[in-house]
mmCIF file of all heavy atoms, coordinates in Angstrom:
data_MODEL
# 
_entry.id   MODEL 
# 
loop_
_atom_site.group_PDB 
_atom_site.id 
_atom_site.type_symbol 
_atom_site.label_atom_id 
_atom_site.label_alt_id 
_atom_site.label_comp_id 
_atom_site.label_asym_id 
_atom_site.label_entity_id 
_atom_site.label_seq_id 
_atom_site.pdbx_PDB_ins_code 
_atom_site.Cartn_x 
_atom_site.Cartn_y 
_atom_site.Cartn_z 
_atom_site.occupancy 
_atom_site.B_iso_or_equiv 
_atom_site.pdbx_formal_charge 
_atom_site.auth_seq_id 
_atom_site.auth_comp_id 
_atom_site.auth_asym_id 
_atom_site.auth_atom_id 
_atom_site.pdbx_PDB_model_num 
ATOM 1   N N   . ASN A 1 1  ? -0.992  45.088 66.268 1.00 0.00 ? 1  ASN A N   1 
ATOM 2   C CA  . ASN A 1 1  ? -0.228  44.812 65.052 1.00 0.00 ? 1  ASN A CA  1 
ATOM 3   C C   . ASN A 1 1  ? -1.160  44.607 63.831 1.00 0.00 ? 1  ASN A C   1 
ATOM 4   O O   . ASN A 1 1  ? -2.375  44.749 63.956 1.00 0.00 ? 1  ASN A O   1 
ATOM 5   C CB  . ASN A 1 1  ? 0.698   43.598 65.263 1.00 0.00 ? 1  ASN A CB  1 
ATOM 6   C CG  . ASN A 1 1  ? -0.051  42.335 65.650 1.00 0.00 ? 1  ASN A CG  1 
ATOM 7   O OD1 . ASN A 1 1  ? -1.214  42.118 65.250 1.00 0.00 ? 1  ASN A OD1 1 
ATOM 8   N ND2 . ASN A 1 1  ? 0.603   41.454 66.411 1.00 0.00 ? 1  ASN A ND2 1 
ATOM 9   N N   . GLY A 1 2  ? -0.547  44.276 62.692 1.00 0.00 ? 2  GLY A N   1 
ATOM 10  C CA  . GLY A 1 2  ? -1.344  44.143 61.477 1.00 0.00 ? 2  GLY A CA  1 
ATOM 11  C C   . GLY A 1 2  ? -2.393  43.065 61.563 1.00 0.00 ? 2  GLY A C   1 
ATOM 12  O O   . GLY A 1 2  ? -3.527  43.243 61.080 1.00 0.00 ? 2  GLY A O   1 
ATOM 13  N N   . ALA A 1 3  ? -2.057  41.938 62.197 1.00 0.00 ? 3  ALA A N   1 
ATOM 14  C CA  . ALA A 1 3  ? -3.041  40.856 62.358 1.00 0.00 ? 3  ALA A CA  1 
ATOM 15  C C   . ALA A 1 3  ? -4.191  41.331 63.238 1.00 0.00 ? 3  ALA A C   1 
ATOM 16  O O   . ALA A 1 3  ? -5.352  40.965 62.996 1.00 0.00 ? 3  ALA A O   1 
ATOM 17  C CB  . ALA A 1 3  ? -2.378  39.621 62.949 1.00 0.00 ? 3  ALA A CB  1 
ATOM 18  N N   . GLY A 1 4  ? -3.860  42.102 64.267 1.00 0.00 ? 4  GLY A N   1 
ATOM 19  C CA  . GLY A 1 4  ? -4.918  42.643 65.132 1.00 0.00 ? 4  GLY A CA  1 
ATOM 20  C C   . GLY A 1 4  ? -5.875  43.554 64.376 1.00 0.00 ? 4  GLY A C   1 
ATOM 21  O O   . GLY A 1 4  ? -7.087  43.512 64.560 1.00 0.00 ? 4  GLY A O   1 
ATOM 22  N N   . ALA A 1 5  ? -5.302  44.386 63.499 1.00 0.00 ? 5  ALA A N   1 
ATOM 23  C CA  . ALA A 1 5  ? -6.114  45.286 62.709 1.00 0.00 ? 5  ALA A CA  1 
ATOM 24  C C   . ALA A 1 5  ? -6.976  44.539 61.701 1.00 0.00 ? 5  ALA A C   1 
ATOM 25  O O   . ALA A 1 5  ? -8.173  44.821 61.528 1.00 0.00 ? 5  ALA A O   1 
ATOM 26  C CB  . ALA A 1 5  ? -5.244  46.303 61.994 1.00 0.00 ? 5  ALA A CB  1 
ATOM 27  N N   . LEU A 1 6  ? -6.403  43.542 61.061 1.00 0.00 ? 6  LEU A N   1 
ATOM 28  C CA  . LEU A 1 6  ? -7.155  42.764 60.081 1.00 0.00 ? 6  LEU A CA  1 
ATOM 29  C C   . LEU A 1 6  ? -8.234  41.935 60.740 1.00 0.00 ? 6  LEU A C   1 
ATOM 30  O O   . LEU A 1 6  ? -9.342  41.767 60.207 1.00 0.00 ? 6  LEU A O   1 
ATOM 31  C CB  . LEU A 1 6  ? -6.203  41.848 59.279 1.00 0.00 ? 6  LEU A CB  1 
ATOM 32  C CG  . LEU A 1 6  ? -5.248  42.590 58.335 1.00 0.00 ? 6  LEU A CG  1 
ATOM 33  C CD1 . LEU A 1 6  ? -4.153  41.635 57.845 1.00 0.00 ? 6  LEU A CD1 1 
ATOM 34  C CD2 . LEU A 1 6  ? -5.993  43.189 57.170 1.00 0.00 ? 6  LEU A CD2 1 
ATOM 35  N N   . GLY A 1 7  ? -7.955  41.442 61.944 1.00 0.00 ? 7  GLY A N   1 
ATOM 36  C CA  . GLY A 1 7  ? -8.989  40.725 62.689 1.00 0.00 ? 7  GLY A CA  1 
ATOM 37  C C   . GLY A 1 7  ? -10.124 41.620 63.064 1.00 0.00 ? 7  GLY A C   1 
ATOM 38  O O   . GLY A 1 7  ? -11.312 41.222 63.050 1.00 0.00 ? 7  GLY A O   1 
ATOM 39  N N   . ALA A 1 8  ? -9.798  42.889 63.405 1.00 0.00 ? 8  ALA A N   1 
ATOM 40  C CA  . ALA A 1 8  ? -10.870 43.849 63.722 1.00 0.00 ? 8  ALA A CA  1 
ATOM 41  C C   . ALA A 1 8  ? -11.745 44.138 62.497 1.00 0.00 ? 8  ALA A C   1 
ATOM 42  O O   . ALA A 1 8  ? -12.948 44.300 62.599 1.00 0.00 ? 8  ALA A O   1 
ATOM 43  C CB  . ALA A 1 8  ? -10.233 45.133 64.240 1.00 0.00 ? 8  ALA A CB  1 
ATOM 44  N N   . ILE A 1 9  ? -11.078 44.204 61.325 1.00 0.00 ? 9  ILE A N   1 
ATOM 45  C CA  . ILE A 1 9  ? -11.831 44.410 60.092 1.00 0.00 ? 9  ILE A CA  1 
ATOM 46  C C   . ILE A 1 9  ? -12.795 43.270 59.842 1.00 0.00 ? 9  ILE A C   1 
ATOM 47  O O   . ILE A 1 9  ? -13.986 43.487 59.547 1.00 0.00 ? 9  ILE A O   1 
ATOM 48  C CB  . ILE A 1 9  ? -10.862 44.561 58.894 1.00 0.00 ? 9  ILE A CB  1 
ATOM 49  C CG1 . ILE A 1 9  ? -10.088 45.889 58.992 1.00 0.00 ? 9  ILE A CG1 1 
ATOM 50  C CG2 . ILE A 1 9  ? -11.607 44.478 57.553 1.00 0.00 ? 9  ILE A CG2 1 
ATOM 51  C CD1 . ILE A 1 9  ? -8.977  46.043 57.955 1.00 0.00 ? 9  ILE A CD1 1 
ATOM 52  N N   . ILE A 1 10 ? -12.301 42.049 59.951 1.00 0.00 ? 10 ILE A N   1 
ATOM 53  C CA  . ILE A 1 10 ? -13.137 40.859 59.750 1.00 0.00 ? 10 ILE A CA  1 
ATOM 54  C C   . ILE A 1 10 ? -14.337 40.907 60.712 1.00 0.00 ? 10 ILE A C   1 
ATOM 55  O O   . ILE A 1 10 ? -15.495 40.662 60.320 1.00 0.00 ? 10 ILE A O   1 
ATOM 56  C CB  . ILE A 1 10 ? -12.337 39.567 59.962 1.00 0.00 ? 10 ILE A CB  1 
ATOM 57  C CG1 . ILE A 1 10 ? -11.297 39.405 58.841 1.00 0.00 ? 10 ILE A CG1 1 
ATOM 58  C CG2 . ILE A 1 10 ? -13.237 38.348 60.039 1.00 0.00 ? 10 ILE A CG2 1 
ATOM 59  C CD1 . ILE A 1 10 ? -11.872 39.202 57.462 1.00 0.00 ? 10 ILE A CD1 1 
ATOM 60  N N   . ALA A 1 11 ? -14.073 41.217 61.978 1.00 0.00 ? 11 ALA A N   1 
ATOM 61  C CA  . ALA A 1 11 ? -15.141 41.249 62.976 1.00 0.00 ? 11 ALA A CA  1 
ATOM 62  C C   . ALA A 1 11 ? -16.142 42.344 62.676 1.00 0.00 ? 11 ALA A C   1 
ATOM 63  O O   . ALA A 1 11 ? -17.359 42.115 62.762 1.00 0.00 ? 11 ALA A O   1 
ATOM 64  C CB  . ALA A 1 11 ? -14.543 41.439 64.374 1.00 0.00 ? 11 ALA A CB  1 
ATOM 65  N N   . ASP A 1 12 ? -15.681 43.529 62.311 1.00 0.00 ? 12 ASP A N   1 
ATOM 66  C CA  . ASP A 1 12 ? -16.621 44.636 62.022 1.00 0.00 ? 12 ASP A CA  1 
ATOM 67  C C   . ASP A 1 12 ? -17.336 44.468 60.695 1.00 0.00 ? 12 ASP A C   1 
ATOM 68  O O   . ASP A 1 12 ? -18.356 45.100 60.452 1.00 0.00 ? 12 ASP A O   1 
ATOM 69  C CB  . ASP A 1 12 ? -15.875 45.971 62.086 1.00 0.00 ? 12 ASP A CB  1 
ATOM 70  C CG  . ASP A 1 12 ? -15.827 46.554 63.489 1.00 0.00 ? 12 ASP A CG  1 
ATOM 71  O OD1 . ASP A 1 12 ? -16.755 46.238 64.282 1.00 0.00 ? 12 ASP A OD1 1 
ATOM 72  O OD2 . ASP A 1 12 ? -14.910 47.312 63.812 1.00 0.00 ? 12 ASP A OD2 1 
ATOM 73  N N   . MET A 1 13 ? -16.836 43.604 59.829 1.00 0.00 ? 13 MET A N   1 
ATOM 74  C CA  . MET A 1 13 ? -17.557 43.272 58.612 1.00 0.00 ? 13 MET A CA  1 
ATOM 75  C C   . MET A 1 13 ? -18.615 42.222 58.856 1.00 0.00 ? 13 MET A C   1 
ATOM 76  O O   . MET A 1 13 ? -19.391 41.884 57.963 1.00 0.00 ? 13 MET A O   1 
ATOM 77  C CB  . MET A 1 13 ? -16.574 42.780 57.533 1.00 0.00 ? 13 MET A CB  1 
ATOM 78  C CG  . MET A 1 13 ? -15.659 43.854 56.973 1.00 0.00 ? 13 MET A CG  1 
ATOM 79  S SD  . MET A 1 13 ? -14.524 43.215 55.688 1.00 0.00 ? 13 MET A SD  1 
ATOM 80  C CE  . MET A 1 13 ? -15.663 42.961 54.324 1.00 0.00 ? 13 MET A CE  1 
ATOM 81  N N   . GLY A 1 14 ? -18.641 41.652 60.062 1.00 0.00 ? 14 GLY A N   1 
ATOM 82  C CA  . GLY A 1 14 ? -19.607 40.623 60.389 1.00 0.00 ? 14 GLY A CA  1 
ATOM 83  C C   . GLY A 1 14 ? -19.293 39.272 59.811 1.00 0.00 ? 14 GLY A C   1 
ATOM 84  O O   . GLY A 1 14 ? -20.178 38.426 59.636 1.00 0.00 ? 14 GLY A O   1 
ATOM 85  N N   . LEU A 1 15 ? -18.019 39.052 59.497 1.00 0.00 ? 15 LEU A N   1 
ATOM 86  C CA  . LEU A 1 15 ? -17.592 37.800 58.883 1.00 0.00 ? 15 LEU A CA  1 
ATOM 87  C C   . LEU A 1 15 ? -17.083 36.825 59.970 1.00 0.00 ? 15 LEU A C   1 
ATOM 88  O O   . LEU A 1 15 ? -16.668 37.249 61.039 1.00 0.00 ? 15 LEU A O   1 
ATOM 89  C CB  . LEU A 1 15 ? -16.464 38.054 57.870 1.00 0.00 ? 15 LEU A CB  1 
ATOM 90  C CG  . LEU A 1 15 ? -16.861 38.961 56.703 1.00 0.00 ? 15 LEU A CG  1 
ATOM 91  C CD1 . LEU A 1 15 ? -15.612 39.333 55.902 1.00 0.00 ? 15 LEU A CD1 1 
ATOM 92  C CD2 . LEU A 1 15 ? -17.916 38.334 55.816 1.00 0.00 ? 15 LEU A CD2 1 
ATOM 93  N N   . ASP A 1 16 ? -17.108 35.570 59.668 1.00 0.00 ? 16 ASP A N   1 
ATOM 94  C CA  . ASP A 1 16 ? -16.604 34.571 60.631 1.00 0.00 ? 16 ASP A CA  1 
ATOM 95  C C   . ASP A 1 16 ? -15.106 34.433 60.510 1.00 0.00 ? 16 ASP A C   1 
ATOM 96  O O   . ASP A 1 16 ? -14.506 34.763 59.473 1.00 0.00 ? 16 ASP A O   1 
ATOM 97  C CB  . ASP A 1 16 ? -17.298 33.233 60.449 1.00 0.00 ? 16 ASP A CB  1 
ATOM 98  C CG  . ASP A 1 16 ? -17.024 32.609 59.071 1.00 0.00 ? 16 ASP A CG  1 
ATOM 99  O OD1 . ASP A 1 16 ? -15.996 31.944 58.927 1.00 0.00 ? 16 ASP A OD1 1 
ATOM 100 O OD2 . ASP A 1 16 ? -17.834 32.845 58.144 1.00 0.00 ? 16 ASP A OD2 1 
ATOM 101 N N   . GLY A 1 17 ? -14.502 33.904 61.577 1.00 0.00 ? 17 GLY A N   1 
ATOM 102 C CA  . GLY A 1 17 ? -13.070 33.799 61.629 1.00 0.00 ? 17 GLY A CA  1 
ATOM 103 C C   . GLY A 1 17 ? -12.484 32.878 60.560 1.00 0.00 ? 17 GLY A C   1 
ATOM 104 O O   . GLY A 1 17 ? -11.379 33.112 60.041 1.00 0.00 ? 17 GLY A O   1 
ATOM 105 N N   . ILE A 1 18 ? -13.173 31.801 60.227 1.00 0.00 ? 18 ILE A N   1 
ATOM 106 C CA  . ILE A 1 18 ? -12.668 30.874 59.203 1.00 0.00 ? 18 ILE A CA  1 
ATOM 107 C C   . ILE A 1 18 ? -12.576 31.578 57.851 1.00 0.00 ? 18 ILE A C   1 
ATOM 108 O O   . ILE A 1 18 ? -11.591 31.421 57.117 1.00 0.00 ? 18 ILE A O   1 
ATOM 109 C CB  . ILE A 1 18 ? -13.580 29.627 59.100 1.00 0.00 ? 18 ILE A CB  1 
ATOM 110 C CG1 . ILE A 1 18 ? -13.468 28.802 60.385 1.00 0.00 ? 18 ILE A CG1 1 
ATOM 111 C CG2 . ILE A 1 18 ? -13.206 28.791 57.886 1.00 0.00 ? 18 ILE A CG2 1 
ATOM 112 C CD1 . ILE A 1 18 ? -14.372 27.585 60.414 1.00 0.00 ? 18 ILE A CD1 1 
ATOM 113 N N   . PHE A 1 19 ? -13.564 32.385 57.522 1.00 0.00 ? 19 PHE A N   1 
ATOM 114 C CA  . PHE A 1 19 ? -13.516 33.151 56.258 1.00 0.00 ? 19 PHE A CA  1 
ATOM 115 C C   . PHE A 1 19 ? -12.327 34.117 56.287 1.00 0.00 ? 19 PHE A C   1 
ATOM 116 O O   . PHE A 1 19 ? -11.642 34.272 55.292 1.00 0.00 ? 19 PHE A O   1 
ATOM 117 C CB  . PHE A 1 19 ? -14.824 33.893 56.032 1.00 0.00 ? 19 PHE A CB  1 
ATOM 118 C CG  . PHE A 1 19 ? -14.883 34.625 54.715 1.00 0.00 ? 19 PHE A CG  1 
ATOM 119 C CD1 . PHE A 1 19 ? -15.115 33.919 53.538 1.00 0.00 ? 19 PHE A CD1 1 
ATOM 120 C CD2 . PHE A 1 19 ? -14.706 36.008 54.652 1.00 0.00 ? 19 PHE A CD2 1 
ATOM 121 C CE1 . PHE A 1 19 ? -15.164 34.579 52.327 1.00 0.00 ? 19 PHE A CE1 1 
ATOM 122 C CE2 . PHE A 1 19 ? -14.764 36.658 53.431 1.00 0.00 ? 19 PHE A CE2 1 
ATOM 123 C CZ  . PHE A 1 19 ? -14.977 35.944 52.267 1.00 0.00 ? 19 PHE A CZ  1 
ATOM 124 N N   . GLY A 1 20 ? -12.100 34.738 57.459 1.00 0.00 ? 20 GLY A N   1 
ATOM 125 C CA  . GLY A 1 20 ? -10.979 35.664 57.584 1.00 0.00 ? 20 GLY A CA  1 
ATOM 126 C C   . GLY A 1 20 ? -9.655  34.956 57.371 1.00 0.00 ? 20 GLY A C   1 
ATOM 127 O O   . GLY A 1 20 ? -8.793  35.442 56.609 1.00 0.00 ? 20 GLY A O   1 
ATOM 128 N N   . ARG A 1 21 ? -9.482  33.801 57.995 1.00 0.00 ? 21 ARG A N   1 
ATOM 129 C CA  . ARG A 1 21 ? -8.254  33.059 57.782 1.00 0.00 ? 21 ARG A CA  1 
ATOM 130 C C   . ARG A 1 21 ? -8.167  32.593 56.324 1.00 0.00 ? 21 ARG A C   1 
ATOM 131 O O   . ARG A 1 21 ? -7.066  32.594 55.756 1.00 0.00 ? 21 ARG A O   1 
ATOM 132 C CB  . ARG A 1 21 ? -8.185  31.851 58.711 1.00 0.00 ? 21 ARG A CB  1 
ATOM 133 C CG  . ARG A 1 21 ? -6.870  31.064 58.581 1.00 0.00 ? 21 ARG A CG  1 
ATOM 134 C CD  . ARG A 1 21 ? -6.788  29.864 59.509 1.00 0.00 ? 21 ARG A CD  1 
ATOM 135 N NE  . ARG A 1 21 ? -6.739  30.233 60.912 1.00 0.00 ? 21 ARG A NE  1 
ATOM 136 C CZ  . ARG A 1 21 ? -6.010  29.590 61.818 1.00 0.00 ? 21 ARG A CZ  1 
ATOM 137 N NH1 . ARG A 1 21 ? -5.268  28.549 61.465 1.00 0.00 ? 21 ARG A NH1 1 
ATOM 138 N NH2 . ARG A 1 21 ? -6.034  29.961 63.075 1.00 0.00 ? 21 ARG A NH2 1 
ATOM 139 N N   . GLY A 1 22 ? -9.287  32.235 55.738 1.00 0.00 ? 22 GLY A N   1 
ATOM 140 C CA  . GLY A 1 22 ? -9.285  31.809 54.360 1.00 0.00 ? 22 GLY A CA  1 
ATOM 141 C C   . GLY A 1 22 ? -8.791  32.914 53.425 1.00 0.00 ? 22 GLY A C   1 
ATOM 142 O O   . GLY A 1 22 ? -7.994  32.637 52.500 1.00 0.00 ? 22 GLY A O   1 
ATOM 143 N N   . LEU A 1 23 ? -9.231  34.133 53.638 1.00 0.00 ? 23 LEU A N   1 
ATOM 144 C CA  . LEU A 1 23 ? -8.740  35.250 52.807 1.00 0.00 ? 23 LEU A CA  1 
ATOM 145 C C   . LEU A 1 23 ? -7.237  35.413 52.971 1.00 0.00 ? 23 LEU A C   1 
ATOM 146 O O   . LEU A 1 23 ? -6.517  35.662 51.984 1.00 0.00 ? 23 LEU A O   1 
ATOM 147 C CB  . LEU A 1 23 ? -9.453  36.544 53.190 1.00 0.00 ? 23 LEU A CB  1 
ATOM 148 C CG  . LEU A 1 23 ? -10.888 36.731 52.724 1.00 0.00 ? 23 LEU A CG  1 
ATOM 149 C CD1 . LEU A 1 23 ? -11.435 38.077 53.205 1.00 0.00 ? 23 LEU A CD1 1 
ATOM 150 C CD2 . LEU A 1 23 ? -10.988 36.643 51.190 1.00 0.00 ? 23 LEU A CD2 1 
ATOM 151 N N   . MET A 1 24 ? -6.734  35.254 54.193 1.00 0.00 ? 24 MET A N   1 
ATOM 152 C CA  . MET A 1 24 ? -5.296  35.380 54.414 1.00 0.00 ? 24 MET A CA  1 
ATOM 153 C C   . MET A 1 24 ? -4.527  34.286 53.675 1.00 0.00 ? 24 MET A C   1 
ATOM 154 O O   . MET A 1 24 ? -3.487  34.535 53.101 1.00 0.00 ? 24 MET A O   1 
ATOM 155 C CB  . MET A 1 24 ? -5.017  35.334 55.894 1.00 0.00 ? 24 MET A CB  1 
ATOM 156 C CG  . MET A 1 24 ? -5.601  36.484 56.708 1.00 0.00 ? 24 MET A CG  1 
ATOM 157 S SD  . MET A 1 24 ? -4.916  38.088 56.293 1.00 0.00 ? 24 MET A SD  1 
ATOM 158 C CE  . MET A 1 24 ? -3.251  37.938 56.961 1.00 0.00 ? 24 MET A CE  1 
ATOM 159 N N   . LEU A 1 25 ? -5.091  33.077 53.683 1.00 0.00 ? 25 LEU A N   1 
ATOM 160 C CA  . LEU A 1 25 ? -4.415  31.967 53.000 1.00 0.00 ? 25 LEU A CA  1 
ATOM 161 C C   . LEU A 1 25 ? -4.399  32.178 51.489 1.00 0.00 ? 25 LEU A C   1 
ATOM 162 O O   . LEU A 1 25 ? -3.396  31.924 50.832 1.00 0.00 ? 25 LEU A O   1 
ATOM 163 C CB  . LEU A 1 25 ? -5.097  30.660 53.363 1.00 0.00 ? 25 LEU A CB  1 
ATOM 164 C CG  . LEU A 1 25 ? -4.993  30.171 54.808 1.00 0.00 ? 25 LEU A CG  1 
ATOM 165 C CD1 . LEU A 1 25 ? -5.864  28.988 55.034 1.00 0.00 ? 25 LEU A CD1 1 
ATOM 166 C CD2 . LEU A 1 25 ? -3.549  29.861 55.153 1.00 0.00 ? 25 LEU A CD2 1 
ATOM 167 N N   . VAL A 1 26 ? -5.530  32.640 50.959 1.00 0.00 ? 26 VAL A N   1 
ATOM 168 C CA  . VAL A 1 26 ? -5.616  32.881 49.526 1.00 0.00 ? 26 VAL A CA  1 
ATOM 169 C C   . VAL A 1 26 ? -4.612  33.965 49.127 1.00 0.00 ? 26 VAL A C   1 
ATOM 170 O O   . VAL A 1 26 ? -3.895  33.841 48.133 1.00 0.00 ? 26 VAL A O   1 
ATOM 171 C CB  . VAL A 1 26 ? -7.044  33.275 49.116 1.00 0.00 ? 26 VAL A CB  1 
ATOM 172 C CG1 . VAL A 1 26 ? -7.089  33.764 47.688 1.00 0.00 ? 26 VAL A CG1 1 
ATOM 173 C CG2 . VAL A 1 26 ? -7.983  32.086 49.285 1.00 0.00 ? 26 VAL A CG2 1 
# 
């Protein structure tokens, strides 16, 4: 799903999960 794809993007960008969730919250 979309969250799965966005999580893959965050991981392949080398970013941490907290930053990924932060972008989603913003």
